[in-house]
Amino acid sequence: MAAYYNEHTVLWLNGSFVKASEAKMDLYSQSLHYGYSVFEGIRSYRTVNSETKIFKEAEHFDRLKNSAAALNMPYHWDTRELIAVTYEVLKKNNLQDAYIRPVVYAPANMSFVENKESFIVIEAWEMQPFLGDKLLKVMTSSFQRPNPRGFKIHAKAGGHYVNSILASQEAKTAGYDEALLTDMNDFVAEGPGANLFYEKDGKLVTPALGNILPGITRATVLEICEESGIEVEEKQFTVEELKQADAAFYCGTAAEVIGWESLDDYKFPLKWKDSVSRKIQLAYKNLVTEKPIAIMEAIQ
């Protein structure tokens, strides 16, 4: 069986808890044939009080609903209901530090008319940080993010991630840890599954919304910066500007906050341990595990 489940794993499928090994879906689903689905990536943590806490659960399930609406997918689930179900999935699988994947998928439909129904599954498994815990060697990809006029780019849609897979595979085949994608105007956009920030003279800069997924972890980093008085600018910038930075990092639910060692042939000069970015990383970890330390203390 896959590393994500075994014969004891339980998931929630269309209102029922079932064994993952026995779950079924229609092989004529529009989601399988055309990538017509939406999903979320959510993390739960064992807090310092040994409790299980899903981080920003309402924001994630609200975004799932908004993604479905953007793609004209029928959606009738309540956020509070889905949160309660997810805690039960964690409990049934004896998980605390976990990655949670809800997926809304389509019925059998080989045409392009709107569906009258949707289905849902919520799965969970143990997963280390998606990009590891060492500084990343990043490569500027030959692939670009999709044009927002061609897709609902703010939706977390399954089909969008073919682009991410191709970019990430290209980078890893070339000997790098991850890719960096630009938008159709050659401005820096995001990673295959994460937003990015760069640091220059103690200030952070991140791509403006419009051609990127508005990440929940990205929003959390902005909140940390606001609370701690760290200046942040959201703007368009080029790869060449990024290569003048002191430090940089990716952030996302799966990746959490992970620093970069280099971009192409440029090695970031500021030692990671001395950077504001590293302090953001520590503050984020304290936040998700509910460590009783003020963000300002973590930053200082």
C-alpha atoms as a PDB file:
ATOM      1  CA  MET A   1       0.000   0.000   0.000  1.00  0.00           C
ATOM      2  CA  ALA A   2       1.007   3.613  -0.411  1.00  0.00           C
ATOM      3  CA  ALA A   3       2.853   5.417   2.377  1.00  0.00           C
ATOM      4  CA  TYR A   4      -0.212   7.565   2.947  1.00  0.00           C
ATOM      5  CA  TYR A   5      -2.413   4.801   4.326  1.00  0.00           C
ATOM      6  CA  ASN A   6      -2.514   1.191   5.465  1.00  0.00           C
ATOM      7  CA  GLU A   7      -5.188  -1.403   6.146  1.00  0.00           C
ATOM      8  CA  HIS A   8      -6.254   0.440   9.322  1.00  0.00           C
ATOM      9  CA  THR A   9      -6.487   3.982   7.901  1.00  0.00           C
ATOM     10  CA  VAL A  10      -9.901   5.627   8.020  1.00  0.00           C
ATOM     11  CA  LEU A  11     -11.115   8.510   5.853  1.00  0.00           C
ATOM     12  CA  TRP A  12     -14.392  10.404   5.532  1.00  0.00           C
ATOM     13  CA  LEU A  13     -16.140   9.874   2.216  1.00  0.00           C
ATOM     14  CA  ASN A  14     -19.471  11.515   1.385  1.00  0.00           C
ATOM     15  CA  GLY A  15     -20.800  11.426   4.921  1.00  0.00           C
ATOM     16  CA  SER A  16     -19.366   8.110   6.126  1.00  0.00           C
ATOM     17  CA  PHE A  17     -16.151   6.957   7.762  1.00  0.00           C
ATOM     18  CA  VAL A  18     -14.666   4.145   5.685  1.00  0.00           C
ATOM     19  CA  LYS A  19     -11.369   2.316   5.448  1.00  0.00           C
ATOM     20  CA  ALA A  20      -9.057   3.940   2.925  1.00  0.00           C
ATOM     21  CA  SER A  21      -8.293   0.545   1.408  1.00  0.00           C
ATOM     22  CA  GLU A  22     -11.993  -0.008   0.719  1.00  0.00           C
ATOM     23  CA  ALA A  23     -12.944   3.491  -0.509  1.00  0.00           C
ATOM     24  CA  LYS A  24     -14.163   3.761  -4.095  1.00  0.00           C
ATOM     25  CA  MET A  25     -14.788   6.511  -6.628  1.00  0.00           C
ATOM     26  CA  ASP A  26     -16.221   6.493 -10.140  1.00  0.00           C
ATOM     27  CA  LEU A  27     -13.492   5.984 -12.728  1.00  0.00           C
ATOM     28  CA  TYR A  28     -15.603   8.030 -15.136  1.00  0.00           C
ATOM     29  CA  SER A  29     -15.376  11.050 -12.849  1.00  0.00           C
ATOM     30  CA  GLN A  30     -14.767  14.361 -14.565  1.00  0.00           C
ATOM     31  CA  SER A  31     -12.074  14.966 -11.940  1.00  0.00           C
ATOM     32  CA  LEU A  32     -10.017  11.971 -13.068  1.00  0.00           C
ATOM     33  CA  HIS A  33     -10.362  12.702 -16.769  1.00  0.00           C
ATOM     34  CA  TYR A  34     -10.026  16.494 -16.751  1.00  0.00           C
ATOM     35  CA  GLY A  35      -8.524  17.473 -13.386  1.00  0.00           C
ATOM     36  CA  TYR A  36     -11.805  19.145 -12.458  1.00  0.00           C
ATOM     37  CA  SER A  37     -11.600  19.178  -8.668  1.00  0.00           C
ATOM     38  CA  VAL A  38     -10.675  21.470  -5.792  1.00  0.00           C
ATOM     39  CA  PHE A  39      -8.778  20.639  -2.641  1.00  0.00           C
ATOM     40  CA  GLU A  40      -7.082  21.974   0.450  1.00  0.00           C
ATOM     41  CA  GLY A  41      -3.826  21.273   2.229  1.00  0.00           C
ATOM     42  CA  ILE A  42      -4.239  21.666   5.997  1.00  0.00           C
ATOM     43  CA  ARG A  43      -2.003  20.805   8.941  1.00  0.00           C
ATOM     44  CA  SER A  44      -2.777  19.777  12.475  1.00  0.00           C
ATOM     45  CA  TYR A  45      -0.253  19.977  15.289  1.00  0.00           C
ATOM     46  CA  ARG A  46       0.373  18.527  18.707  1.00  0.00           C
ATOM     47  CA  THR A  47       0.445  21.698  20.785  1.00  0.00           C
ATOM     48  CA  VAL A  48       2.688  22.351  23.767  1.00  0.00           C
ATOM     49  CA  ASN A  49      -0.310  21.320  25.922  1.00  0.00           C
ATOM     50  CA  SER A  50      -0.420  17.940  24.108  1.00  0.00           C
ATOM     51  CA  GLU A  51      -3.723  18.830  22.457  1.00  0.00           C
ATOM     52  CA  THR A  52      -4.516  18.356  18.764  1.00  0.00           C
ATOM     53  CA  LYS A  53      -5.055  21.641  16.946  1.00  0.00           C
ATOM     54  CA  ILE A  54      -5.865  22.170  13.276  1.00  0.00           C
ATOM     55  CA  PHE A  55      -4.202  25.404  12.184  1.00  0.00           C
ATOM     56  CA  LYS A  56      -6.578  27.987  10.673  1.00  0.00           C
ATOM     57  CA  GLU A  57      -9.166  25.334   9.970  1.00  0.00           C
ATOM     58  CA  ALA A  58     -11.992  27.757   9.183  1.00  0.00           C
ATOM     59  CA  GLU A  59      -9.870  29.704   6.697  1.00  0.00           C
ATOM     60  CA  HIS A  60      -8.967  26.499   4.865  1.00  0.00           C
ATOM     61  CA  PHE A  61     -12.488  25.137   4.619  1.00  0.00           C
ATOM     62  CA  ASP A  62     -13.845  28.527   3.635  1.00  0.00           C
ATOM     63  CA  ARG A  63     -11.269  28.613   0.832  1.00  0.00           C
ATOM     64  CA  LEU A  64     -12.341  25.130  -0.235  1.00  0.00           C
ATOM     65  CA  LYS A  65     -15.894  26.436  -0.563  1.00  0.00           C
ATOM     66  CA  ASN A  66     -14.716  29.511  -2.484  1.00  0.00           C
ATOM     67  CA  SER A  67     -12.605  27.366  -4.815  1.00  0.00           C
ATOM     68  CA  ALA A  68     -15.617  25.197  -5.588  1.00  0.00           C
ATOM     69  CA  ALA A  69     -17.723  28.286  -6.312  1.00  0.00           C
ATOM     70  CA  ALA A  70     -15.020  29.637  -8.632  1.00  0.00           C
ATOM     71  CA  LEU A  71     -15.139  26.408 -10.632  1.00  0.00           C
ATOM     72  CA  ASN A  72     -18.958  26.135 -10.660  1.00  0.00           C
ATOM     73  CA  MET A  73     -18.860  22.979  -8.544  1.00  0.00           C
ATOM     74  CA  PRO A  74     -21.960  22.345  -6.398  1.00  0.00           C
ATOM     75  CA  TYR A  75     -21.048  22.652  -2.705  1.00  0.00           C
ATOM     76  CA  HIS A  76     -23.425  22.020   0.186  1.00  0.00           C
ATOM     77  CA  TRP A  77     -21.152  21.343   3.163  1.00  0.00           C
ATOM     78  CA  ASP A  78     -20.885  23.576   6.210  1.00  0.00           C
ATOM     79  CA  THR A  79     -17.437  24.661   7.394  1.00  0.00           C
ATOM     80  CA  ARG A  80     -18.214  23.824  11.034  1.00  0.00           C
ATOM     81  CA  GLU A  81     -19.421  20.372  10.022  1.00  0.00           C
ATOM     82  CA  LEU A  82     -16.246  19.688   8.047  1.00  0.00           C
ATOM     83  CA  ILE A  83     -14.019  20.879  10.892  1.00  0.00           C
ATOM     84  CA  ALA A  84     -15.751  18.510  13.324  1.00  0.00           C
ATOM     85  CA  VAL A  85     -15.441  15.636  10.843  1.00  0.00           C
ATOM     86  CA  THR A  86     -11.742  16.361  10.347  1.00  0.00           C
ATOM     87  CA  TYR A  87     -11.018  16.190  14.068  1.00  0.00           C
ATOM     88  CA  GLU A  88     -12.788  12.830  14.069  1.00  0.00           C
ATOM     89  CA  VAL A  89     -10.642  11.609  11.157  1.00  0.00           C
ATOM     90  CA  LEU A  90      -7.544  12.565  13.162  1.00  0.00           C
ATOM     91  CA  LYS A  91      -8.870  10.813  16.248  1.00  0.00           C
ATOM     92  CA  LYS A  92      -9.784   7.614  14.398  1.00  0.00           C
ATOM     93  CA  ASN A  93      -6.279   7.477  12.900  1.00  0.00           C
ATOM     94  CA  ASN A  94      -4.519   8.425  16.153  1.00  0.00           C
ATOM     95  CA  LEU A  95      -2.920  11.456  14.506  1.00  0.00           C
ATOM     96  CA  GLN A  96      -1.851  14.785  15.971  1.00  0.00           C
ATOM     97  CA  ASP A  97       0.944  16.122  13.761  1.00  0.00           C
ATOM     98  CA  ALA A  98      -0.716  15.459  10.434  1.00  0.00           C
ATOM     99  CA  TYR A  99      -1.332  16.682   6.913  1.00  0.00           C
ATOM    100  CA  ILE A 100      -5.022  16.840   5.987  1.00  0.00           C
ATOM    101  CA  ARG A 101      -6.346  16.693   2.439  1.00  0.00           C
ATOM    102  CA  PRO A 102     -10.019  17.440   1.677  1.00  0.00           C
ATOM    103  CA  VAL A 103     -10.956  17.005  -1.982  1.00  0.00           C
ATOM    104  CA  VAL A 104     -14.199  17.995  -3.689  1.00  0.00           C
ATOM    105  CA  TYR A 105     -14.565  15.987  -6.876  1.00  0.00           C
ATOM    106  CA  ALA A 106     -17.008  15.617  -9.735  1.00  0.00           C
ATOM    107  CA  PRO A 107     -19.329  12.800 -10.823  1.00  0.00           C
ATOM    108  CA  ALA A 108     -19.097  10.823 -14.044  1.00  0.00           C
ATOM    109  CA  ASN A 109     -19.396  13.352 -16.854  1.00  0.00           C
ATOM    110  CA  MET A 110     -17.609  13.293 -20.196  1.00  0.00           C
ATOM    111  CA  SER A 111     -19.324  16.486 -21.339  1.00  0.00           C
ATOM    112  CA  PHE A 112     -18.608  20.078 -20.297  1.00  0.00           C
ATOM    113  CA  VAL A 113     -22.052  20.931 -18.952  1.00  0.00           C
ATOM    114  CA  GLU A 114     -22.332  21.958 -15.300  1.00  0.00           C
ATOM    115  CA  ASN A 115     -22.650  19.136 -12.804  1.00  0.00           C
ATOM    116  CA  LYS A 116     -25.646  18.852 -10.502  1.00  0.00           C
ATOM    117  CA  GLU A 117     -23.674  17.294  -7.639  1.00  0.00           C
ATOM    118  CA  SER A 118     -20.213  17.017  -6.141  1.00  0.00           C
ATOM    119  CA  PHE A 119     -18.554  14.508  -3.815  1.00  0.00           C
ATOM    120  CA  ILE A 120     -16.093  14.996  -0.975  1.00  0.00           C
ATOM    121  CA  VAL A 121     -13.365  13.051   0.796  1.00  0.00           C
ATOM    122  CA  ILE A 122     -11.201  14.036   3.778  1.00  0.00           C
ATOM    123  CA  GLU A 123      -7.941  12.146   4.272  1.00  0.00           C
ATOM    124  CA  ALA A 124      -5.074  12.600   6.744  1.00  0.00           C
ATOM    125  CA  TRP A 125      -1.576  11.203   7.125  1.00  0.00           C
ATOM    126  CA  GLU A 126       1.741  11.908   8.799  1.00  0.00           C
ATOM    127  CA  MET A 127       4.011  14.093   6.681  1.00  0.00           C
ATOM    128  CA  GLN A 128       7.252  15.887   7.381  1.00  0.00           C
ATOM    129  CA  PRO A 129       7.751  19.396   5.930  1.00  0.00           C
ATOM    130  CA  PHE A 130       7.109  19.024   2.186  1.00  0.00           C
ATOM    131  CA  LEU A 131      10.464  20.533   1.158  1.00  0.00           C
ATOM    132  CA  GLY A 132      12.477  19.142   4.057  1.00  0.00           C
ATOM    133  CA  ASP A 133      14.200  21.175   6.749  1.00  0.00           C
ATOM    134  CA  LYS A 134      17.453  22.175   5.027  1.00  0.00           C
ATOM    135  CA  LEU A 135      18.055  25.365   3.066  1.00  0.00           C
ATOM    136  CA  LEU A 136      16.886  24.944  -0.526  1.00  0.00           C
ATOM    137  CA  LYS A 137      18.763  25.185  -3.792  1.00  0.00           C
ATOM    138  CA  VAL A 138      16.155  26.715  -6.094  1.00  0.00           C
ATOM    139  CA  MET A 139      16.101  26.885  -9.896  1.00  0.00           C
ATOM    140  CA  THR A 140      14.228  29.384 -12.041  1.00  0.00           C
ATOM    141  CA  SER A 141      11.870  27.190 -14.036  1.00  0.00           C
ATOM    142  CA  SER A 142      11.301  27.265 -17.767  1.00  0.00           C
ATOM    143  CA  PHE A 143       7.607  26.896 -16.920  1.00  0.00           C
ATOM    144  CA  GLN A 144       5.399  29.867 -16.038  1.00  0.00           C
ATOM    145  CA  ARG A 145       2.307  30.051 -13.866  1.00  0.00           C
ATOM    146  CA  PRO A 146      -0.982  29.959 -15.788  1.00  0.00           C
ATOM    147  CA  ASN A 147      -2.411  33.215 -17.070  1.00  0.00           C
ATOM    148  CA  PRO A 148      -5.216  34.333 -14.702  1.00  0.00           C
ATOM    149  CA  ARG A 149      -7.343  35.051 -17.778  1.00  0.00           C
ATOM    150  CA  GLY A 150      -7.189  31.335 -18.571  1.00  0.00           C
ATOM    151  CA  PHE A 151      -7.863  29.985 -15.081  1.00  0.00           C
ATOM    152  CA  LYS A 152      -9.433  31.041 -11.787  1.00  0.00           C
ATOM    153  CA  ILE A 153      -5.951  31.360 -10.353  1.00  0.00           C
ATOM    154  CA  HIS A 154      -7.185  32.092  -6.815  1.00  0.00           C
ATOM    155  CA  ALA A 155      -8.872  28.678  -6.670  1.00  0.00           C
ATOM    156  CA  LYS A 156      -6.950  25.690  -5.371  1.00  0.00           C
ATOM    157  CA  ALA A 157      -7.917  23.455  -8.267  1.00  0.00           C
ATOM    158  CA  GLY A 158      -6.519  20.013  -9.001  1.00  0.00           C
ATOM    159  CA  GLY A 159      -5.780  20.647 -12.676  1.00  0.00           C
ATOM    160  CA  HIS A 160      -3.646  23.696 -11.908  1.00  0.00           C
ATOM    161  CA  TYR A 161      -1.079  21.465 -10.236  1.00  0.00           C
ATOM    162  CA  VAL A 162       0.018  19.718 -13.427  1.00  0.00           C
ATOM    163  CA  ASN A 163       1.980  22.936 -13.946  1.00  0.00           C
ATOM    164  CA  SER A 164       3.490  22.558 -10.460  1.00  0.00           C
ATOM    165  CA  ILE A 165       4.451  18.928 -11.017  1.00  0.00           C
ATOM    166  CA  LEU A 166       6.203  19.687 -14.308  1.00  0.00           C
ATOM    167  CA  ALA A 167       8.158  22.596 -12.827  1.00  0.00           C
ATOM    168  CA  SER A 168       9.209  20.676  -9.731  1.00  0.00           C
ATOM    169  CA  GLN A 169      10.245  17.603 -11.716  1.00  0.00           C
ATOM    170  CA  GLU A 170      12.311  19.793 -14.040  1.00  0.00           C
ATOM    171  CA  ALA A 171      14.176  21.358 -11.110  1.00  0.00           C
ATOM    172  CA  LYS A 172      14.870  18.067  -9.362  1.00  0.00           C
ATOM    173  CA  THR A 173      16.065  16.420 -12.566  1.00  0.00           C
ATOM    174  CA  ALA A 174      18.546  19.301 -12.936  1.00  0.00           C
ATOM    175  CA  GLY A 175      19.894  18.708  -9.406  1.00  0.00           C
ATOM    176  CA  TYR A 176      17.969  21.392  -7.504  1.00  0.00           C
ATOM    177  CA  ASP A 177      15.587  21.035  -4.573  1.00  0.00           C
ATOM    178  CA  GLU A 178      12.710  23.052  -5.983  1.00  0.00           C
ATOM    179  CA  ALA A 179      11.572  25.363  -8.770  1.00  0.00           C
ATOM    180  CA  LEU A 180      10.649  29.035  -8.913  1.00  0.00           C
ATOM    181  CA  LEU A 181       8.013  30.058 -11.434  1.00  0.00           C
ATOM    182  CA  THR A 182       7.439  33.433 -13.044  1.00  0.00           C
ATOM    183  CA  ASP A 183       4.154  34.761 -14.384  1.00  0.00           C
ATOM    184  CA  MET A 184       3.278  35.486 -18.018  1.00  0.00           C
ATOM    185  CA  ASN A 185       4.957  38.908 -17.708  1.00  0.00           C
ATOM    186  CA  ASP A 186       8.222  37.383 -16.396  1.00  0.00           C
ATOM    187  CA  PHE A 187       7.679  38.668 -12.865  1.00  0.00           C
ATOM    188  CA  VAL A 188       8.401  36.317  -9.971  1.00  0.00           C
ATOM    189  CA  ALA A 189       5.216  34.442  -9.014  1.00  0.00           C
ATOM    190  CA  GLU A 190       5.566  31.496  -6.620  1.00  0.00           C
ATOM    191  CA  GLY A 191       6.881  27.990  -6.158  1.00  0.00           C
ATOM    192  CA  PRO A 192       5.100  24.832  -7.326  1.00  0.00           C
ATOM    193  CA  GLY A 193       3.288  24.641  -3.988  1.00  0.00           C
ATOM    194  CA  ALA A 194       4.380  27.632  -1.920  1.00  0.00           C
ATOM    195  CA  ASN A 195       4.505  31.419  -1.822  1.00  0.00           C
ATOM    196  CA  LEU A 196       7.787  33.262  -1.385  1.00  0.00           C
ATOM    197  CA  PHE A 197       9.315  36.226   0.413  1.00  0.00           C
ATOM    198  CA  TYR A 198      12.727  37.777   0.079  1.00  0.00           C
ATOM    199  CA  GLU A 199      14.629  39.829   2.612  1.00  0.00           C
ATOM    200  CA  LYS A 200      16.659  42.962   1.900  1.00  0.00           C
ATOM    201  CA  ASP A 201      18.142  45.179   4.629  1.00  0.00           C
ATOM    202  CA  GLY A 202      15.726  43.763   7.210  1.00  0.00           C
ATOM    203  CA  LYS A 203      12.649  44.360   5.063  1.00  0.00           C
ATOM    204  CA  LEU A 204      10.555  41.634   3.424  1.00  0.00           C
ATOM    205  CA  VAL A 205       9.149  41.699  -0.103  1.00  0.00           C
ATOM    206  CA  THR A 206       6.594  39.279  -1.577  1.00  0.00           C
ATOM    207  CA  PRO A 207       4.804  39.065  -4.941  1.00  0.00           C
ATOM    208  CA  ALA A 208       1.535  40.983  -5.033  1.00  0.00           C
ATOM    209  CA  LEU A 209      -1.763  39.146  -5.448  1.00  0.00           C
ATOM    210  CA  GLY A 210      -3.182  38.688  -8.915  1.00  0.00           C
ATOM    211  CA  ASN A 211      -1.006  36.035 -10.525  1.00  0.00           C
ATOM    212  CA  ILE A 212      -0.466  33.841  -7.453  1.00  0.00           C
ATOM    213  CA  LEU A 213      -2.459  31.639  -5.111  1.00  0.00           C
ATOM    214  CA  PRO A 214      -3.345  33.769  -2.053  1.00  0.00           C
ATOM    215  CA  GLY A 215      -1.810  31.375   0.442  1.00  0.00           C
ATOM    216  CA  ILE A 216      -3.042  31.060   4.016  1.00  0.00           C
ATOM    217  CA  THR A 217       0.529  30.643   5.271  1.00  0.00           C
ATOM    218  CA  ARG A 218       1.498  33.731   3.270  1.00  0.00           C
ATOM    219  CA  ALA A 219      -1.265  35.643   5.071  1.00  0.00           C
ATOM    220  CA  THR A 220       0.022  34.287   8.393  1.00  0.00           C
ATOM    221  CA  VAL A 221       3.543  35.546   7.660  1.00  0.00           C
ATOM    222  CA  LEU A 222       2.079  38.976   6.889  1.00  0.00           C
ATOM    223  CA  GLU A 223       0.239  38.874  10.230  1.00  0.00           C
ATOM    224  CA  ILE A 224       3.466  37.979  12.065  1.00  0.00           C
ATOM    225  CA  CYS A 225       5.250  40.855  10.370  1.00  0.00           C
ATOM    226  CA  GLU A 226       2.499  43.323  11.213  1.00  0.00           C
ATOM    227  CA  GLU A 227       2.456  42.289  14.868  1.00  0.00           C
ATOM    228  CA  SER A 228       6.236  42.453  15.154  1.00  0.00           C
ATOM    229  CA  GLY A 229       6.779  45.676  13.213  1.00  0.00           C
ATOM    230  CA  ILE A 230       8.655  44.105  10.305  1.00  0.00           C
ATOM    231  CA  GLU A 231       8.191  46.083   7.096  1.00  0.00           C
ATOM    232  CA  VAL A 232       6.719  44.140   4.168  1.00  0.00           C
ATOM    233  CA  GLU A 233       6.088  45.266   0.621  1.00  0.00           C
ATOM    234  CA  GLU A 234       3.823  43.437  -1.813  1.00  0.00           C
ATOM    235  CA  LYS A 235       4.852  44.206  -5.389  1.00  0.00           C
ATOM    236  CA  GLN A 236       5.908  42.819  -8.745  1.00  0.00           C
ATOM    237  CA  PHE A 237       9.609  42.113  -9.172  1.00  0.00           C
ATOM    238  CA  THR A 238      11.945  40.212 -11.476  1.00  0.00           C
ATOM    239  CA  VAL A 239      14.251  37.254 -10.927  1.00  0.00           C
ATOM    240  CA  GLU A 240      17.164  39.686 -11.319  1.00  0.00           C
ATOM    241  CA  GLU A 241      15.882  41.757  -8.381  1.00  0.00           C
ATOM    242  CA  LEU A 242      15.413  38.602  -6.327  1.00  0.00           C
ATOM    243  CA  LYS A 243      19.073  37.785  -6.932  1.00  0.00           C
ATOM    244  CA  GLN A 244      20.038  40.981  -5.118  1.00  0.00           C
ATOM    245  CA  ALA A 245      18.329  39.832  -1.897  1.00  0.00           C
ATOM    246  CA  ASP A 246      20.025  39.019   1.395  1.00  0.00           C
ATOM    247  CA  ALA A 247      17.839  35.957   2.058  1.00  0.00           C
ATOM    248  CA  ALA A 248      14.646  34.292   0.822  1.00  0.00           C
ATOM    249  CA  PHE A 249      12.146  31.659   1.880  1.00  0.00           C
ATOM    250  CA  TYR A 250       9.172  29.636   0.729  1.00  0.00           C
ATOM    251  CA  CYS A 251       6.055  29.328   2.867  1.00  0.00           C
ATOM    252  CA  GLY A 252       3.022  27.093   2.602  1.00  0.00           C
ATOM    253  CA  THR A 253       0.983  24.699   4.705  1.00  0.00           C
ATOM    254  CA  ALA A 254       2.906  21.664   3.472  1.00  0.00           C
ATOM    255  CA  ALA A 255       6.320  23.369   3.370  1.00  0.00           C
ATOM    256  CA  GLU A 256       5.745  25.560   6.454  1.00  0.00           C
ATOM    257  CA  VAL A 257       8.542  28.190   6.382  1.00  0.00           C
ATOM    258  CA  ILE A 258      11.768  27.031   4.707  1.00  0.00           C
ATOM    259  CA  GLY A 259      14.780  29.141   3.732  1.00  0.00           C
ATOM    260  CA  TRP A 260      16.732  29.191   0.497  1.00  0.00           C
ATOM    261  CA  GLU A 261      20.448  28.625   0.131  1.00  0.00           C
ATOM    262  CA  SER A 262      20.619  29.780  -3.459  1.00  0.00           C
ATOM    263  CA  LEU A 263      18.748  30.661  -6.642  1.00  0.00           C
ATOM    264  CA  ASP A 264      20.386  29.423  -9.833  1.00  0.00           C
ATOM    265  CA  ASP A 265      23.986  30.638  -9.543  1.00  0.00           C
ATOM    266  CA  TYR A 266      23.283  33.186  -6.780  1.00  0.00           C
ATOM    267  CA  LYS A 267      23.970  32.255  -3.147  1.00  0.00           C
ATOM    268  CA  PHE A 268      22.141  34.396  -0.621  1.00  0.00           C
ATOM    269  CA  PRO A 269      24.810  36.195   1.436  1.00  0.00           C
ATOM    270  CA  LEU A 270      23.101  36.577   4.807  1.00  0.00           C
ATOM    271  CA  LYS A 271      23.554  33.634   7.159  1.00  0.00           C
ATOM    272  CA  TRP A 272      20.136  32.103   7.697  1.00  0.00           C
ATOM    273  CA  LYS A 273      20.544  32.100  11.487  1.00  0.00           C
ATOM    274  CA  ASP A 274      21.130  35.870  11.424  1.00  0.00           C
ATOM    275  CA  SER A 275      18.191  36.730   9.176  1.00  0.00           C
ATOM    276  CA  VAL A 276      14.785  38.209   9.930  1.00  0.00           C
ATOM    277  CA  SER A 277      13.479  35.353   7.796  1.00  0.00           C
ATOM    278  CA  ARG A 278      14.775  32.800  10.315  1.00  0.00           C
ATOM    279  CA  LYS A 279      12.965  34.658  13.095  1.00  0.00           C
ATOM    280  CA  ILE A 280       9.774  34.475  11.042  1.00  0.00           C
ATOM    281  CA  GLN A 281      10.328  30.727  10.736  1.00  0.00           C
ATOM    282  CA  LEU A 282      10.637  30.367  14.517  1.00  0.00           C
ATOM    283  CA  ALA A 283       7.641  32.605  15.190  1.00  0.00           C
ATOM    284  CA  TYR A 284       5.523  30.539  12.793  1.00  0.00           C
ATOM    285  CA  LYS A 285       6.471  27.302  14.550  1.00  0.00           C
ATOM    286  CA  ASN A 286       5.606  28.819  17.919  1.00  0.00           C
ATOM    287  CA  LEU A 287       2.259  29.975  16.544  1.00  0.00           C
ATOM    288  CA  VAL A 288       1.119  26.642  15.102  1.00  0.00           C
ATOM    289  CA  THR A 289       2.120  24.705  18.222  1.00  0.00           C
ATOM    290  CA  GLU A 290       0.604  27.368  20.496  1.00  0.00           C
ATOM    291  CA  LYS A 291       3.862  27.843  22.364  1.00  0.00           C
ATOM    292  CA  PRO A 292       3.190  30.533  24.994  1.00  0.00           C
ATOM    293  CA  ILE A 293       5.711  33.031  23.694  1.00  0.00           C
ATOM    294  CA  ALA A 294       4.814  36.361  22.151  1.00  0.00           C
ATOM    295  CA  ILE A 295       5.670  36.806  18.485  1.00  0.00           C
ATOM    296  CA  MET A 296       7.694  39.861  19.417  1.00  0.00           C
ATOM    297  CA  GLU A 297       9.829  37.739  21.762  1.00  0.00           C
ATOM    298  CA  ALA A 298      10.444  35.186  19.025  1.00  0.00           C
ATOM    299  CA  ILE A 299      11.459  37.929  16.627  1.00  0.00           C
ATOM    300  CA  GLN A 300      13.870  39.661  18.988  1.00  0.00           C
END
